Amino acid sequence: MRKFLITIGILFVIGAVGVFALAKIDFNRFNAESYYLQITEDGKPHEYKLSDGTVMTSYSYTLDATNAKGKTIPLEFNAQKNLRKGAYLKMYVKKGDQVSSYDEVKLEDIPQSAQKN
């Protein structure tokens, strides 16, 4: 009986750690390369209709982004709103050019080699 309770306790702890990890880890940013860019133009709006008839708008962008090593690549990504011109973004990129997530950052947070481009 004692071994059974210890096993249940260990499984509970492992389960609690798993739930915490799923809640706190953003898997879109996990194992992604960071690139930086500045929004210089308005996004191109795209409207689509949901099954309930609601019309949604997303905005697509194609901009050059630079990583901390100074490598520049073109990135295509979408946003749910028209992003503010002049904003600096940290892009999380997987598989070469697929944007999985992004954050707005300050110019001071961008590595010097990426700021040059």
Protein backbone atom coordinates (compact mmCIF):
# COMPACT_ATOMS: atom_id res chain seq x y z
CA MET A 1 0.00 0.00 0.00
CA ARG A 2 2.83 2.37 0.84
CA LYS A 3 4.54 1.82 -2.56
CA PHE A 4 1.21 2.46 -4.28
CA LEU A 5 0.80 5.82 -2.51
CA ILE A 6 4.38 6.82 -3.32
CA THR A 7 3.79 5.93 -6.99
CA ILE A 8 0.56 7.97 -7.04
CA GLY A 9 2.39 10.91 -5.43
CA ILE A 10 5.20 10.79 -7.99
CA LEU A 11 2.72 10.60 -10.88
CA PHE A 12 0.83 13.57 -9.43
CA VAL A 13 4.02 15.66 -9.22
CA ILE A 14 5.00 14.73 -12.78
CA GLY A 15 1.50 15.63 -13.97
CA ALA A 16 1.57 18.98 -12.14
CA VAL A 17 4.96 19.85 -13.67
CA GLY A 18 3.61 18.88 -17.12
CA VAL A 19 0.54 21.10 -16.75
CA PHE A 20 2.72 24.00 -15.56
CA ALA A 21 5.09 23.54 -18.52
CA LEU A 22 2.21 23.49 -21.02
CA ALA A 23 0.78 26.67 -19.50
CA LYS A 24 4.05 28.63 -19.36
CA ILE A 25 6.09 27.50 -22.38
CA ASP A 26 5.27 29.13 -25.70
CA PHE A 27 6.05 26.38 -28.19
CA ASN A 28 5.83 28.86 -31.09
CA ARG A 29 9.03 30.47 -29.77
CA PHE A 30 10.72 27.26 -28.68
CA ASN A 31 13.75 26.38 -30.82
CA ALA A 32 13.21 29.36 -33.15
CA GLU A 33 15.82 31.73 -34.54
CA SER A 34 15.42 35.45 -33.75
CA TYR A 35 15.32 38.07 -36.49
CA TYR A 36 14.62 41.80 -36.16
CA LEU A 37 12.82 44.23 -38.44
CA GLN A 38 11.09 47.60 -38.49
CA ILE A 39 7.56 48.10 -39.80
CA THR A 40 7.93 50.58 -42.66
CA GLU A 41 4.60 50.20 -44.47
CA ASP A 42 0.98 49.34 -43.85
CA GLY A 43 0.02 45.72 -44.21
CA LYS A 44 -2.08 44.49 -47.12
CA PRO A 45 -5.58 43.76 -45.78
CA HIS A 46 -7.22 40.39 -46.43
CA GLU A 47 -10.85 39.81 -45.48
CA TYR A 48 -12.33 36.39 -44.86
CA LYS A 49 -15.67 35.22 -43.59
CA LEU A 50 -16.15 32.86 -40.65
CA SER A 51 -18.79 30.11 -40.65
CA ASP A 52 -21.10 32.30 -38.53
CA GLY A 53 -20.94 35.14 -41.09
CA THR A 54 -18.49 37.35 -39.17
CA VAL A 55 -16.01 39.13 -41.44
CA MET A 56 -12.41 39.11 -40.13
CA THR A 57 -9.47 41.11 -41.46
CA SER A 58 -5.81 40.14 -41.32
CA TYR A 59 -2.83 42.07 -42.65
CA SER A 60 0.09 40.56 -44.56
CA TYR A 61 3.63 41.94 -44.63
CA THR A 62 6.75 41.18 -46.65
CA LEU A 63 9.81 42.82 -45.09
CA ASP A 64 13.54 42.14 -44.74
CA ALA A 65 14.69 40.97 -41.32
CA THR A 66 18.19 40.67 -39.84
CA ASN A 67 19.48 38.28 -37.17
CA ALA A 68 22.15 38.95 -34.52
CA LYS A 69 24.89 37.75 -36.91
CA GLY A 70 23.89 40.32 -39.54
CA LYS A 71 22.26 37.84 -41.95
CA THR A 72 19.27 39.39 -43.75
CA ILE A 73 16.35 37.41 -45.20
CA PRO A 74 12.92 38.39 -46.59
CA LEU A 75 10.05 37.38 -44.30
CA GLU A 76 6.34 37.06 -45.05
CA PHE A 77 4.00 37.12 -42.07
CA ASN A 78 0.44 37.99 -41.05
CA ALA A 79 -0.96 40.03 -38.19
CA GLN A 80 -4.50 40.38 -36.85
CA LYS A 81 -4.19 44.17 -36.90
CA ASN A 82 -2.38 46.77 -38.97
CA LEU A 83 0.94 47.15 -37.15
CA ARG A 84 2.25 50.56 -36.13
CA LYS A 85 4.69 52.12 -38.60
CA GLY A 86 8.13 52.53 -37.05
CA ALA A 87 7.65 49.66 -34.59
CA TYR A 88 10.58 47.28 -34.10
CA LEU A 89 9.72 43.58 -34.02
CA LYS A 90 11.58 40.51 -32.85
CA MET A 91 10.51 37.71 -35.18
CA TYR A 92 10.67 34.05 -34.16
CA VAL A 93 11.55 32.10 -37.31
CA LYS A 94 11.53 28.33 -37.85
CA LYS A 95 12.58 26.25 -40.85
CA GLY A 96 14.44 29.09 -42.52
CA ASP A 97 11.64 31.58 -43.20
CA GLN A 98 8.45 30.56 -41.40
CA VAL A 99 7.42 33.14 -38.80
CA SER A 100 5.89 31.41 -35.79
CA SER A 101 5.51 34.45 -33.50
CA TYR A 102 6.71 38.01 -32.92
CA ASP A 103 7.10 40.61 -30.17
CA GLU A 104 7.47 44.36 -30.30
CA VAL A 105 10.86 45.43 -28.89
CA LYS A 106 12.73 48.67 -28.29
CA LEU A 107 15.64 49.70 -30.51
CA GLU A 108 18.02 49.23 -27.55
CA ASP A 109 17.00 45.55 -27.32
CA ILE A 110 18.17 44.80 -30.86
CA PRO A 111 21.78 43.54 -31.26
CA GLN A 112 24.17 46.07 -32.84
CA SER A 113 24.85 43.91 -35.90
CA ALA A 114 21.12 43.73 -36.64
CA GLN A 115 20.67 47.48 -36.06
CA LYS A 116 23.14 48.26 -38.86
CA ASN A 117 20.81 46.69 -41.42
